[in-house]
Protein backbone atom coordinates (compact mmCIF):
# COMPACT_ATOMS: atom_id res chain seq x y z
CA MET A 1 7.21 35.51 -19.26
CA GLU A 2 4.71 33.66 -21.32
CA ALA A 3 6.19 34.33 -24.95
CA THR A 4 2.35 32.25 -26.65
CA ALA A 5 0.79 35.55 -24.69
CA LEU A 6 2.06 37.79 -26.68
CA THR A 7 2.44 38.16 -30.58
CA SER A 8 5.88 39.34 -30.06
CA LEU A 9 8.41 40.14 -27.98
CA LEU A 10 11.97 41.86 -27.40
CA LEU A 11 14.88 39.50 -28.40
CA GLU A 12 18.38 40.53 -26.81
CA ILE A 13 21.33 38.70 -28.00
CA ARG A 14 23.93 39.49 -26.09
CA THR A 15 27.96 37.87 -27.33
CA TYR A 16 30.92 37.66 -24.33
CA ARG A 17 34.21 37.83 -25.52
CA LEU A 18 35.61 35.39 -22.58
CA ARG A 19 39.49 36.00 -21.43
CA SER A 20 40.97 32.79 -22.43
CA GLY A 21 40.71 29.87 -20.86
CA TYR A 22 37.67 31.23 -18.87
CA THR A 23 35.05 28.97 -20.76
CA GLU A 24 34.12 26.41 -18.19
CA ALA A 25 33.74 28.83 -15.41
CA PHE A 26 32.17 31.60 -16.77
CA HIS A 27 29.18 29.12 -17.61
CA ALA A 28 29.25 27.37 -14.24
CA THR A 29 28.86 31.05 -13.22
CA VAL A 30 26.29 31.93 -15.38
CA ALA A 31 23.96 28.13 -15.00
CA GLU A 32 24.89 28.40 -11.11
CA ARG A 33 24.14 31.65 -10.51
CA ALA A 34 23.50 34.71 -12.83
CA ALA A 35 20.77 32.97 -14.62
CA PRO A 36 18.38 31.85 -11.93
CA LEU A 37 19.10 35.49 -9.98
CA LEU A 38 17.83 36.27 -13.62
CA ARG A 39 15.08 34.85 -13.42
CA ASP A 40 14.06 35.78 -9.84
CA PHE A 41 14.71 39.26 -10.80
CA GLY A 42 11.65 38.69 -13.96
CA VAL A 43 14.04 38.52 -16.16
CA ASP A 44 13.34 35.70 -18.89
CA VAL A 45 16.24 34.20 -19.82
CA VAL A 46 15.71 32.40 -22.74
CA ARG A 47 18.91 30.95 -23.81
CA PHE A 48 23.04 30.88 -22.40
CA GLY A 49 25.65 28.81 -22.97
CA PRO A 50 28.92 28.71 -24.73
CA SER A 51 29.50 29.65 -28.98
CA GLU A 52 29.50 26.18 -31.13
CA GLN A 53 32.19 27.67 -32.85
CA ASN A 54 34.72 30.04 -31.70
CA GLU A 55 37.00 31.70 -34.55
CA ASP A 56 40.62 32.14 -34.41
CA GLY A 57 40.64 30.61 -31.08
CA VAL A 58 38.33 32.94 -29.43
CA GLU A 59 36.68 31.88 -26.49
CA GLU A 60 32.44 33.45 -26.88
CA TYR A 61 29.11 33.12 -24.94
CA LEU A 62 25.81 33.44 -25.58
CA LEU A 63 22.75 34.82 -22.91
CA MET A 64 19.63 36.06 -25.25
CA ARG A 65 17.18 37.06 -23.04
CA SER A 66 13.31 38.17 -23.93
CA PHE A 67 11.15 41.89 -23.21
CA ALA A 68 7.61 42.65 -23.53
CA SER A 69 8.97 45.88 -25.17
CA HIS A 70 12.57 48.15 -24.78
CA ASP A 71 10.88 49.94 -21.85
CA ASP A 72 10.61 47.08 -20.06
CA ARG A 73 13.64 46.03 -20.97
CA ASP A 74 15.15 48.78 -19.54
CA GLU A 75 13.37 49.21 -16.39
CA GLN A 76 14.27 45.58 -15.41
CA GLU A 77 18.13 45.32 -16.76
CA LYS A 78 18.28 48.87 -14.23
CA ARG A 79 16.84 47.15 -11.12
CA PHE A 80 18.66 43.41 -11.88
CA TYR A 81 22.09 45.72 -12.32
CA THR A 82 21.88 48.09 -10.27
CA SER A 83 20.41 45.48 -6.70
CA PRO A 84 22.51 44.32 -4.20
CA GLU A 85 22.44 40.83 -5.18
CA TRP A 86 24.16 41.51 -7.99
CA HIS A 87 26.49 43.53 -6.91
CA ASP A 88 27.64 41.14 -4.04
CA GLY A 89 26.42 37.74 -5.58
CA PRO A 90 27.46 37.03 -8.81
CA ARG A 91 28.35 40.31 -11.15
CA ALA A 92 32.73 39.98 -9.74
CA ASP A 93 32.84 36.49 -11.34
CA ILE A 94 30.59 36.97 -14.37
CA VAL A 95 32.18 41.03 -15.20
CA ASP A 96 36.27 39.70 -14.55
CA ARG A 97 36.33 36.94 -17.02
CA ILE A 98 35.17 38.86 -19.68
CA GLU A 99 37.08 41.07 -22.56
CA SER A 100 34.33 42.58 -24.19
CA TYR A 101 30.75 41.90 -25.22
CA HIS A 102 27.65 42.88 -28.27
CA THR A 103 24.12 43.20 -27.66
CA VAL A 104 21.88 43.38 -30.45
CA VAL A 105 18.25 43.17 -30.20
CA LEU A 106 15.44 42.88 -32.10
CA THR A 107 11.38 42.24 -31.67
CA VAL A 108 10.53 38.88 -33.06
CA PRO A 109 7.55 36.39 -33.43
CA ALA A 110 6.88 35.51 -29.92
CA SER A 111 6.78 31.54 -31.25
CA ALA A 112 10.31 32.79 -32.91
CA ILE A 113 11.67 33.19 -29.01
CA ASP A 114 10.23 30.05 -27.90
CA GLY A 115 11.65 28.00 -30.75
CA LEU A 116 15.15 29.10 -28.87
CA ARG A 117 14.50 27.68 -25.74
CA ARG A 118 16.15 24.82 -24.79
CA VAL A 119 14.41 21.96 -23.13
């Protein structure tokens, strides 16, 4: 999705509290398998990676994705999370390493999303 084509987009910020000792393996799975698969399904993965600072020694991770609308988010997530590619692919390696997660969704200017992307 090209953010500059729209004036605002939906930004989903998902934080994960990981099971102790799994940050490196979790990141490798996201970078090598989950993020490319999300992109194959048309999901705009804006940014992902370990938190730069963990509180109380808890391992935390971040995934940001953007969508054109709430309906677009719902449709893309349903299509992705019900797919055999996800279930037979990286799902177990991702889910088994997560203790809990939290999601925040905001409408923001497309330029803000472009600013969050890593080169």
